[in-house]
């Protein structure tokens, strides 16, 4: 049997790939009193830490690949792509558990 003829069980390898990927996609909810509320995406300097905001949801509106001059507001939901350790630090900062 040729390797290309071998059926691939997608469900068996997708969780493995997602768990072991260098980058992850995570969701951040920005509270009104969050230290990032009122700051622009550019001023957060996320890319230098291995993170990128790939989408922002504000009320019922999605903004995909948001411009860096967009100001993050309380109530926003950020979709962030990047390394997990950097995301965890950002999450702790956004939640106010780390200064």
PDB file of N, CA and C in Angstrom:
ATOM      1  N   UNK A   1       0.851  -1.180   0.000  1.00  0.00           N
ATOM      2  CA  UNK A   1       0.000   0.000   0.000  1.00  0.00           C
ATOM      3  C   UNK A   1       0.896   1.242   0.000  1.00  0.00           C
ATOM      4  N   UNK A   2       0.583   2.167  -0.847  1.00  0.00           N
ATOM      5  CA  UNK A   2       1.315   3.425  -0.963  1.00  0.00           C
ATOM      6  C   UNK A   2       0.946   4.333   0.220  1.00  0.00           C
ATOM      7  N   UNK A   3       1.921   5.089   0.705  1.00  0.00           N
ATOM      8  CA  UNK A   3       1.694   5.997   1.830  1.00  0.00           C
ATOM      9  C   UNK A   3       0.568   6.981   1.534  1.00  0.00           C
ATOM     10  N   UNK A   4       0.482   7.439   0.286  1.00  0.00           N
ATOM     11  CA  UNK A   4      -0.557   8.398  -0.075  1.00  0.00           C
ATOM     12  C   UNK A   4      -1.945   7.775  -0.076  1.00  0.00           C
ATOM     13  N   UNK A   5      -2.004   6.462  -0.174  1.00  0.00           N
ATOM     14  CA  UNK A   5      -3.295   5.778  -0.152  1.00  0.00           C
ATOM     15  C   UNK A   5      -3.758   5.467   1.270  1.00  0.00           C
ATOM     16  N   UNK A   6      -2.884   5.684   2.237  1.00  0.00           N
ATOM     17  CA  UNK A   6      -3.220   5.390   3.625  1.00  0.00           C
ATOM     18  C   UNK A   6      -4.137   6.479   4.167  1.00  0.00           C
ATOM     19  N   UNK A   7      -5.305   6.110   4.659  1.00  0.00           N
ATOM     20  CA  UNK A   7      -6.210   7.135   5.199  1.00  0.00           C
ATOM     21  C   UNK A   7      -5.615   7.779   6.453  1.00  0.00           C
ATOM     22  N   UNK A   8      -5.791   9.068   6.549  1.00  0.00           N
ATOM     23  CA  UNK A   8      -5.296   9.805   7.715  1.00  0.00           C
ATOM     24  C   UNK A   8      -6.486  10.128   8.602  1.00  0.00           C
ATOM     25  N   UNK A   9      -6.383   9.744   9.839  1.00  0.00           N
ATOM     26  CA  UNK A   9      -7.418  10.062  10.814  1.00  0.00           C
ATOM     27  C   UNK A   9      -7.108  11.446  11.368  1.00  0.00           C
ATOM     28  N   UNK A  10      -7.750  12.466  10.821  1.00  0.00           N
ATOM     29  CA  UNK A  10      -7.446  13.855  11.176  1.00  0.00           C
ATOM     30  C   UNK A  10      -7.593  14.105  12.668  1.00  0.00           C
ATOM     31  N   UNK A  11      -8.591  13.535  13.257  1.00  0.00           N
ATOM     32  CA  UNK A  11      -8.820  13.803  14.673  1.00  0.00           C
ATOM     33  C   UNK A  11      -7.698  13.282  15.562  1.00  0.00           C
ATOM     34  N   UNK A  12      -6.920  12.364  15.096  1.00  0.00           N
ATOM     35  CA  UNK A  12      -5.869  11.810  15.941  1.00  0.00           C
ATOM     36  C   UNK A  12      -4.631  12.697  15.997  1.00  0.00           C
ATOM     37  N   UNK A  13      -4.353  13.478  14.962  1.00  0.00           N
ATOM     38  CA  UNK A  13      -3.132  14.273  14.998  1.00  0.00           C
ATOM     39  C   UNK A  13      -3.371  15.762  15.229  1.00  0.00           C
ATOM     40  N   UNK A  14      -4.562  16.263  14.999  1.00  0.00           N
ATOM     41  CA  UNK A  14      -4.813  17.690  15.195  1.00  0.00           C
ATOM     42  C   UNK A  14      -4.604  18.113  16.649  1.00  0.00           C
ATOM     43  N   UNK A  15      -5.124  17.404  17.645  1.00  0.00           N
ATOM     44  CA  UNK A  15      -4.839  17.816  19.030  1.00  0.00           C
ATOM     45  C   UNK A  15      -3.342  17.826  19.339  1.00  0.00           C
ATOM     46  N   UNK A  16      -2.617  16.854  18.813  1.00  0.00           N
ATOM     47  CA  UNK A  16      -1.168  16.806  19.032  1.00  0.00           C
ATOM     48  C   UNK A  16      -0.498  18.041  18.437  1.00  0.00           C
ATOM     49  N   UNK A  17      -0.866  18.381  17.214  1.00  0.00           N
ATOM     50  CA  UNK A  17      -0.276  19.542  16.546  1.00  0.00           C
ATOM     51  C   UNK A  17      -0.598  20.815  17.324  1.00  0.00           C
ATOM     52  N   UNK A  18      -1.842  20.977  17.737  1.00  0.00           N
ATOM     53  CA  UNK A  18      -2.229  22.184  18.467  1.00  0.00           C
ATOM     54  C   UNK A  18      -1.528  22.287  19.816  1.00  0.00           C
ATOM     55  N   UNK A  19      -1.410  21.182  20.513  1.00  0.00           N
ATOM     56  CA  UNK A  19      -0.756  21.202  21.823  1.00  0.00           C
ATOM     57  C   UNK A  19       0.736  21.479  21.715  1.00  0.00           C
ATOM     58  N   UNK A  20       1.354  21.073  20.625  1.00  0.00           N
ATOM     59  CA  UNK A  20       2.802  21.189  20.489  1.00  0.00           C
ATOM     60  C   UNK A  20       3.247  22.315  19.564  1.00  0.00           C
ATOM     61  N   UNK A  21       2.330  23.143  19.130  1.00  0.00           N
ATOM     62  CA  UNK A  21       2.683  24.261  18.255  1.00  0.00           C
ATOM     63  C   UNK A  21       3.489  25.296  19.029  1.00  0.00           C
ATOM     64  N   UNK A  22       4.413  25.948  18.331  1.00  0.00           N
ATOM     65  CA  UNK A  22       5.199  27.010  18.960  1.00  0.00           C
ATOM     66  C   UNK A  22       4.322  28.203  19.315  1.00  0.00           C
ATOM     67  N   UNK A  23       3.350  28.487  18.480  1.00  0.00           N
ATOM     68  CA  UNK A  23       2.452  29.607  18.724  1.00  0.00           C
ATOM     69  C   UNK A  23       1.049  29.091  18.997  1.00  0.00           C
ATOM     70  N   UNK A  24       0.344  29.814  19.828  1.00  0.00           N
ATOM     71  CA  UNK A  24      -1.040  29.484  20.173  1.00  0.00           C
ATOM     72  C   UNK A  24      -1.907  30.702  19.883  1.00  0.00           C
ATOM     73  N   UNK A  25      -3.194  30.486  19.819  1.00  0.00           N
ATOM     74  CA  UNK A  25      -4.152  31.579  19.705  1.00  0.00           C
ATOM     75  C   UNK A  25      -4.953  31.598  20.998  1.00  0.00           C
ATOM     76  N   UNK A  26      -4.998  32.772  21.623  1.00  0.00           N
ATOM     77  CA  UNK A  26      -5.671  32.925  22.909  1.00  0.00           C
ATOM     78  C   UNK A  26      -6.601  34.127  22.874  1.00  0.00           C
ATOM     79  N   UNK A  27      -7.512  34.151  23.827  1.00  0.00           N
ATOM     80  CA  UNK A  27      -8.487  35.229  23.956  1.00  0.00           C
ATOM     81  C   UNK A  27      -8.216  35.984  25.250  1.00  0.00           C
ATOM     82  N   UNK A  28      -8.245  37.312  25.162  1.00  0.00           N
ATOM     83  CA  UNK A  28      -8.096  38.168  26.340  1.00  0.00           C
ATOM     84  C   UNK A  28      -9.300  39.088  26.438  1.00  0.00           C
ATOM     85  N   UNK A  29      -9.905  39.158  27.604  1.00  0.00           N
ATOM     86  CA  UNK A  29     -10.983  40.103  27.853  1.00  0.00           C
ATOM     87  C   UNK A  29     -10.400  41.275  28.629  1.00  0.00           C
ATOM     88  N   UNK A  30     -10.645  42.472  28.155  1.00  0.00           N
ATOM     89  CA  UNK A  30     -10.081  43.675  28.763  1.00  0.00           C
ATOM     90  C   UNK A  30     -11.135  44.319  29.655  1.00  0.00           C
ATOM     91  N   UNK A  31     -10.866  44.345  30.952  1.00  0.00           N
ATOM     92  CA  UNK A  31     -11.779  44.989  31.901  1.00  0.00           C
ATOM     93  C   UNK A  31     -11.629  46.506  31.802  1.00  0.00           C
ATOM     94  N   UNK A  32     -12.631  47.221  32.265  1.00  0.00           N
ATOM     95  CA  UNK A  32     -12.577  48.686  32.235  1.00  0.00           C
ATOM     96  C   UNK A  32     -11.386  49.234  33.007  1.00  0.00           C
ATOM     97  N   UNK A  33     -10.997  48.547  34.074  1.00  0.00           N
ATOM     98  CA  UNK A  33      -9.884  49.029  34.900  1.00  0.00           C
ATOM     99  C   UNK A  33      -8.553  48.357  34.551  1.00  0.00           C
ATOM    100  N   UNK A  34      -8.499  47.679  33.420  1.00  0.00           N
ATOM    101  CA  UNK A  34      -7.263  47.010  33.007  1.00  0.00           C
ATOM    102  C   UNK A  34      -6.186  48.040  32.692  1.00  0.00           C
ATOM    103  N   UNK A  35      -4.931  47.726  33.004  1.00  0.00           N
ATOM    104  CA  UNK A  35      -3.847  48.658  32.690  1.00  0.00           C
ATOM    105  C   UNK A  35      -3.643  48.891  31.193  1.00  0.00           C
ATOM    106  N   UNK A  36      -4.207  48.045  30.322  1.00  0.00           N
ATOM    107  CA  UNK A  36      -4.044  48.292  28.885  1.00  0.00           C
ATOM    108  C   UNK A  36      -5.214  49.073  28.293  1.00  0.00           C
ATOM    109  N   UNK A  37      -6.294  49.245  29.053  1.00  0.00           N
ATOM    110  CA  UNK A  37      -7.423  50.038  28.558  1.00  0.00           C
ATOM    111  C   UNK A  37      -6.957  51.476  28.360  1.00  0.00           C
ATOM    112  N   UNK A  38      -7.231  52.023  27.187  1.00  0.00           N
ATOM    113  CA  UNK A  38      -6.817  53.382  26.869  1.00  0.00           C
ATOM    114  C   UNK A  38      -5.473  53.467  26.162  1.00  0.00           C
ATOM    115  N   UNK A  39      -4.821  52.331  25.953  1.00  0.00           N
ATOM    116  CA  UNK A  39      -3.531  52.320  25.254  1.00  0.00           C
ATOM    117  C   UNK A  39      -3.720  51.815  23.829  1.00  0.00           C
ATOM    118  N   UNK A  40      -2.856  52.275  22.936  1.00  0.00           N
ATOM    119  CA  UNK A  40      -2.909  51.768  21.566  1.00  0.00           C
ATOM    120  C   UNK A  40      -2.226  50.410  21.502  1.00  0.00           C
ATOM    121  N   UNK A  41      -2.571  49.653  20.485  1.00  0.00           N
ATOM    122  CA  UNK A  41      -1.919  48.358  20.281  1.00  0.00           C
ATOM    123  C   UNK A  41      -0.414  48.564  20.106  1.00  0.00           C
ATOM    124  N   UNK A  42      -0.041  49.610  19.376  1.00  0.00           N
ATOM    125  CA  UNK A  42       1.386  49.875  19.151  1.00  0.00           C
ATOM    126  C   UNK A  42       2.118  50.126  20.462  1.00  0.00           C
ATOM    127  N   UNK A  43       1.511  50.894  21.356  1.00  0.00           N
ATOM    128  CA  UNK A  43       2.192  51.231  22.610  1.00  0.00           C
ATOM    129  C   UNK A  43       2.384  50.016  23.515  1.00  0.00           C
ATOM    130  N   UNK A  44       1.614  48.954  23.279  1.00  0.00           N
ATOM    131  CA  UNK A  44       1.767  47.737  24.083  1.00  0.00           C
ATOM    132  C   UNK A  44       3.023  46.959  23.694  1.00  0.00           C
ATOM    133  N   UNK A  45       3.546  47.218  22.491  1.00  0.00           N
ATOM    134  CA  UNK A  45       4.799  46.613  22.028  1.00  0.00           C
ATOM    135  C   UNK A  45       4.767  45.085  22.126  1.00  0.00           C
ATOM    136  N   UNK A  46       3.647  44.501  21.752  1.00  0.00           N
ATOM    137  CA  UNK A  46       3.469  43.057  21.899  1.00  0.00           C
ATOM    138  C   UNK A  46       4.365  42.249  20.968  1.00  0.00           C
ATOM    139  N   UNK A  47       4.582  42.758  19.764  1.00  0.00           N
ATOM    140  CA  UNK A  47       5.354  41.976  18.795  1.00  0.00           C
ATOM    141  C   UNK A  47       6.784  41.743  19.249  1.00  0.00           C
ATOM    142  N   UNK A  48       7.341  42.656  20.031  1.00  0.00           N
ATOM    143  CA  UNK A  48       8.705  42.441  20.521  1.00  0.00           C
ATOM    144  C   UNK A  48       8.752  41.321  21.562  1.00  0.00           C
ATOM    145  N   UNK A  49       7.583  40.917  22.046  1.00  0.00           N
ATOM    146  CA  UNK A  49       7.493  39.822  23.016  1.00  0.00           C
ATOM    147  C   UNK A  49       6.942  38.543  22.389  1.00  0.00           C
ATOM    148  N   UNK A  50       6.803  38.554  21.063  1.00  0.00           N
ATOM    149  CA  UNK A  50       6.343  37.355  20.372  1.00  0.00           C
ATOM    150  C   UNK A  50       4.838  37.225  20.281  1.00  0.00           C
ATOM    151  N   UNK A  51       4.113  38.350  20.396  1.00  0.00           N
ATOM    152  CA  UNK A  51       2.649  38.320  20.336  1.00  0.00           C
ATOM    153  C   UNK A  51       2.138  39.268  19.262  1.00  0.00           C
ATOM    154  N   UNK A  52       0.971  38.942  18.721  1.00  0.00           N
ATOM    155  CA  UNK A  52       0.318  39.816  17.750  1.00  0.00           C
ATOM    156  C   UNK A  52      -1.185  39.750  17.973  1.00  0.00           C
ATOM    157  N   UNK A  53      -1.819  40.919  17.986  1.00  0.00           N
ATOM    158  CA  UNK A  53      -3.282  40.974  18.046  1.00  0.00           C
ATOM    159  C   UNK A  53      -3.784  40.713  16.632  1.00  0.00           C
ATOM    160  N   UNK A  54      -4.484  39.599  16.449  1.00  0.00           N
ATOM    161  CA  UNK A  54      -4.967  39.258  15.109  1.00  0.00           C
ATOM    162  C   UNK A  54      -6.423  39.661  14.907  1.00  0.00           C
ATOM    163  N   UNK A  55      -7.129  39.926  16.000  1.00  0.00           N
ATOM    164  CA  UNK A  55      -8.508  40.401  15.895  1.00  0.00           C
ATOM    165  C   UNK A  55      -8.900  41.065  17.205  1.00  0.00           C
ATOM    166  N   UNK A  56      -9.874  41.940  17.102  1.00  0.00           N
ATOM    167  CA  UNK A  56     -10.397  42.645  18.268  1.00  0.00           C
ATOM    168  C   UNK A  56     -11.910  42.677  18.117  1.00  0.00           C
ATOM    169  N   UNK A  57     -12.619  42.332  19.173  1.00  0.00           N
ATOM    170  CA  UNK A  57     -14.079  42.426  19.147  1.00  0.00           C
ATOM    171  C   UNK A  57     -14.489  43.535  20.097  1.00  0.00           C
ATOM    172  N   UNK A  58     -15.225  44.482  19.565  1.00  0.00           N
ATOM    173  CA  UNK A  58     -15.715  45.612  20.351  1.00  0.00           C
ATOM    174  C   UNK A  58     -17.232  45.634  20.198  1.00  0.00           C
ATOM    175  N   UNK A  59     -17.905  45.354  21.302  1.00  0.00           N
ATOM    176  CA  UNK A  59     -19.368  45.195  21.293  1.00  0.00           C
ATOM    177  C   UNK A  59     -19.718  44.102  20.291  1.00  0.00           C
ATOM    178  N   UNK A  60     -20.444  44.425  19.235  1.00  0.00           N
ATOM    179  CA  UNK A  60     -20.830  43.406  18.248  1.00  0.00           C
ATOM    180  C   UNK A  60     -19.996  43.472  16.977  1.00  0.00           C
ATOM    181  N   UNK A  61     -18.926  44.242  16.996  1.00  0.00           N
ATOM    182  CA  UNK A  61     -18.131  44.472  15.789  1.00  0.00           C
ATOM    183  C   UNK A  61     -16.765  43.802  15.903  1.00  0.00           C
ATOM    184  N   UNK A  62     -16.402  43.049  14.880  1.00  0.00           N
ATOM    185  CA  UNK A  62     -15.083  42.430  14.805  1.00  0.00           C
ATOM    186  C   UNK A  62     -14.175  43.300  13.949  1.00  0.00           C
ATOM    187  N   UNK A  63     -12.945  43.464  14.404  1.00  0.00           N
ATOM    188  CA  UNK A  63     -11.918  44.159  13.628  1.00  0.00           C
ATOM    189  C   UNK A  63     -10.788  43.153  13.433  1.00  0.00           C
ATOM    190  N   UNK A  64     -10.602  42.726  12.193  1.00  0.00           N
ATOM    191  CA  UNK A  64      -9.570  41.742  11.891  1.00  0.00           C
ATOM    192  C   UNK A  64      -8.281  42.453  11.500  1.00  0.00           C
ATOM    193  N   UNK A  65      -7.161  41.931  11.965  1.00  0.00           N
ATOM    194  CA  UNK A  65      -5.845  42.520  11.721  1.00  0.00           C
ATOM    195  C   UNK A  65      -5.888  44.021  12.021  1.00  0.00           C
ATOM    196  N   UNK A  66      -6.200  44.362  13.278  1.00  0.00           N
ATOM    197  CA  UNK A  66      -6.390  45.777  13.624  1.00  0.00           C
ATOM    198  C   UNK A  66      -5.121  46.602  13.438  1.00  0.00           C
ATOM    199  N   UNK A  67      -5.326  47.838  13.037  1.00  0.00           N
ATOM    200  CA  UNK A  67      -4.215  48.783  12.890  1.00  0.00           C
ATOM    201  C   UNK A  67      -3.597  49.042  14.263  1.00  0.00           C
ATOM    202  N   UNK A  68      -2.313  49.367  14.271  1.00  0.00           N
ATOM    203  CA  UNK A  68      -1.613  49.576  15.542  1.00  0.00           C
ATOM    204  C   UNK A  68      -2.062  50.831  16.281  1.00  0.00           C
ATOM    205  N   UNK A  69      -2.726  51.760  15.581  1.00  0.00           N
ATOM    206  CA  UNK A  69      -3.155  52.990  16.246  1.00  0.00           C
ATOM    207  C   UNK A  69      -4.525  52.861  16.917  1.00  0.00           C
ATOM    208  N   UNK A  70      -5.127  51.675  16.854  1.00  0.00           N
ATOM    209  CA  UNK A  70      -6.408  51.457  17.534  1.00  0.00           C
ATOM    210  C   UNK A  70      -6.176  51.433  19.040  1.00  0.00           C
ATOM    211  N   UNK A  71      -7.015  52.147  19.755  1.00  0.00           N
ATOM    212  CA  UNK A  71      -6.931  52.185  21.214  1.00  0.00           C
ATOM    213  C   UNK A  71      -7.761  51.050  21.796  1.00  0.00           C
ATOM    214  N   UNK A  72      -7.148  50.288  22.682  1.00  0.00           N
ATOM    215  CA  UNK A  72      -7.837  49.197  23.371  1.00  0.00           C
ATOM    216  C   UNK A  72      -8.747  49.816  24.428  1.00  0.00           C
ATOM    217  N   UNK A  73      -9.964  49.320  24.518  1.00  0.00           N
ATOM    218  CA  UNK A  73     -10.934  49.844  25.483  1.00  0.00           C
ATOM    219  C   UNK A  73     -11.395  48.739  26.422  1.00  0.00           C
ATOM    220  N   UNK A  74     -11.843  49.157  27.588  1.00  0.00           N
ATOM    221  CA  UNK A  74     -12.476  48.207  28.487  1.00  0.00           C
ATOM    222  C   UNK A  74     -13.681  47.598  27.795  1.00  0.00           C
ATOM    223  N   UNK A  75     -13.854  46.310  27.930  1.00  0.00           N
ATOM    224  CA  UNK A  75     -14.938  45.603  27.261  1.00  0.00           C
ATOM    225  C   UNK A  75     -14.505  44.944  25.965  1.00  0.00           C
ATOM    226  N   UNK A  76     -13.326  45.312  25.462  1.00  0.00           N
ATOM    227  CA  UNK A  76     -12.817  44.692  24.236  1.00  0.00           C
ATOM    228  C   UNK A  76     -12.410  43.246  24.499  1.00  0.00           C
ATOM    229  N   UNK A  77     -12.489  42.455  23.458  1.00  0.00           N
ATOM    230  CA  UNK A  77     -11.954  41.100  23.485  1.00  0.00           C
ATOM    231  C   UNK A  77     -10.853  41.057  22.437  1.00  0.00           C
ATOM    232  N   UNK A  78      -9.657  40.655  22.847  1.00  0.00           N
ATOM    233  CA  UNK A  78      -8.524  40.564  21.936  1.00  0.00           C
ATOM    234  C   UNK A  78      -8.246  39.105  21.609  1.00  0.00           C
ATOM    235  N   UNK A  79      -8.020  38.833  20.341  1.00  0.00           N
ATOM    236  CA  UNK A  79      -7.559  37.520  19.908  1.00  0.00           C
ATOM    237  C   UNK A  79      -6.071  37.695  19.616  1.00  0.00           C
ATOM    238  N   UNK A  80      -5.257  36.965  20.364  1.00  0.00           N
ATOM    239  CA  UNK A  80      -3.808  37.159  20.327  1.00  0.00           C
ATOM    240  C   UNK A  80      -3.134  35.868  19.877  1.00  0.00           C
ATOM    241  N   UNK A  81      -2.179  35.999  18.947  1.00  0.00           N
ATOM    242  CA  UNK A  81      -1.391  34.856  18.483  1.00  0.00           C
ATOM    243  C   UNK A  81       0.040  35.030  18.968  1.00  0.00           C
ATOM    244  N   UNK A  82       0.625  33.942  19.465  1.00  0.00           N
ATOM    245  CA  UNK A  82       2.021  34.022  19.870  1.00  0.00           C
ATOM    246  C   UNK A  82       2.416  32.908  20.811  1.00  0.00           C
ATOM    247  N   UNK A  83       3.617  33.048  21.346  1.00  0.00           N
ATOM    248  CA  UNK A  83       4.137  32.022  22.246  1.00  0.00           C
ATOM    249  C   UNK A  83       3.364  32.052  23.563  1.00  0.00           C
ATOM    250  N   UNK A  84       3.106  30.891  24.106  1.00  0.00           N
ATOM    251  CA  UNK A  84       2.253  30.760  25.284  1.00  0.00           C
ATOM    252  C   UNK A  84       2.815  31.493  26.500  1.00  0.00           C
ATOM    253  N   UNK A  85       4.119  31.419  26.713  1.00  0.00           N
ATOM    254  CA  UNK A  85       4.694  32.069  27.897  1.00  0.00           C
ATOM    255  C   UNK A  85       4.497  33.583  27.846  1.00  0.00           C
ATOM    256  N   UNK A  86       4.614  34.176  26.663  1.00  0.00           N
ATOM    257  CA  UNK A  86       4.393  35.618  26.522  1.00  0.00           C
ATOM    258  C   UNK A  86       2.918  35.950  26.738  1.00  0.00           C
ATOM    259  N   UNK A  87       2.029  35.102  26.224  1.00  0.00           N
ATOM    260  CA  UNK A  87       0.599  35.313  26.435  1.00  0.00           C
ATOM    261  C   UNK A  87       0.266  35.300  27.927  1.00  0.00           C
ATOM    262  N   UNK A  88       0.826  34.348  28.650  1.00  0.00           N
ATOM    263  CA  UNK A  88       0.524  34.242  30.080  1.00  0.00           C
ATOM    264  C   UNK A  88       0.973  35.489  30.835  1.00  0.00           C
ATOM    265  N   UNK A  89       2.125  36.042  30.461  1.00  0.00           N
ATOM    266  CA  UNK A  89       2.584  37.291  31.088  1.00  0.00           C
ATOM    267  C   UNK A  89       1.641  38.440  30.747  1.00  0.00           C
ATOM    268  N   UNK A  90       1.225  38.523  29.486  1.00  0.00           N
ATOM    269  CA  UNK A  90       0.288  39.570  29.074  1.00  0.00           C
ATOM    270  C   UNK A  90      -1.036  39.414  29.805  1.00  0.00           C
ATOM    271  N   UNK A  91      -1.535  38.197  29.890  1.00  0.00           N
ATOM    272  CA  UNK A  91      -2.802  37.942  30.587  1.00  0.00           C
ATOM    273  C   UNK A  91      -2.722  38.410  32.037  1.00  0.00           C
ATOM    274  N   UNK A  92      -1.631  38.073  32.711  1.00  0.00           N
ATOM    275  CA  UNK A  92      -1.468  38.486  34.104  1.00  0.00           C
ATOM    276  C   UNK A  92      -1.430  40.007  34.223  1.00  0.00           C
ATOM    277  N   UNK A  93      -0.780  40.669  33.268  1.00  0.00           N
ATOM    278  CA  UNK A  93      -0.721  42.133  33.272  1.00  0.00           C
ATOM    279  C   UNK A  93      -2.104  42.734  33.008  1.00  0.00           C
ATOM    280  N   UNK A  94      -2.797  42.195  32.010  1.00  0.00           N
ATOM    281  CA  UNK A  94      -4.135  42.689  31.664  1.00  0.00           C
ATOM    282  C   UNK A  94      -5.086  42.533  32.844  1.00  0.00           C
ATOM    283  N   UNK A  95      -4.962  41.424  33.558  1.00  0.00           N
ATOM    284  CA  UNK A  95      -5.838  41.162  34.701  1.00  0.00           C
ATOM    285  C   UNK A  95      -5.399  41.905  35.956  1.00  0.00           C
ATOM    286  N   UNK A  96      -4.241  42.558  35.889  1.00  0.00           N
ATOM    287  CA  UNK A  96      -3.778  43.343  37.022  1.00  0.00           C
ATOM    288  C   UNK A  96      -3.089  42.547  38.108  1.00  0.00           C
ATOM    289  N   UNK A  97      -2.731  41.282  37.812  1.00  0.00           N
ATOM    290  CA  UNK A  97      -2.059  40.479  38.834  1.00  0.00           C
ATOM    291  C   UNK A  97      -0.547  40.673  38.802  1.00  0.00           C
ATOM    292  N   UNK A  98      -0.037  41.324  37.743  1.00  0.00           N
ATOM    293  CA  UNK A  98       1.393  41.638  37.625  1.00  0.00           C
ATOM    294  C   UNK A  98       1.501  43.074  37.154  1.00  0.00           C
ATOM    295  N   UNK A  99       2.408  43.822  37.729  1.00  0.00           N
ATOM    296  CA  UNK A  99       2.600  45.234  37.346  1.00  0.00           C
ATOM    297  C   UNK A  99       3.623  45.352  36.252  1.00  0.00           C
TER     298      UNK A  99
END
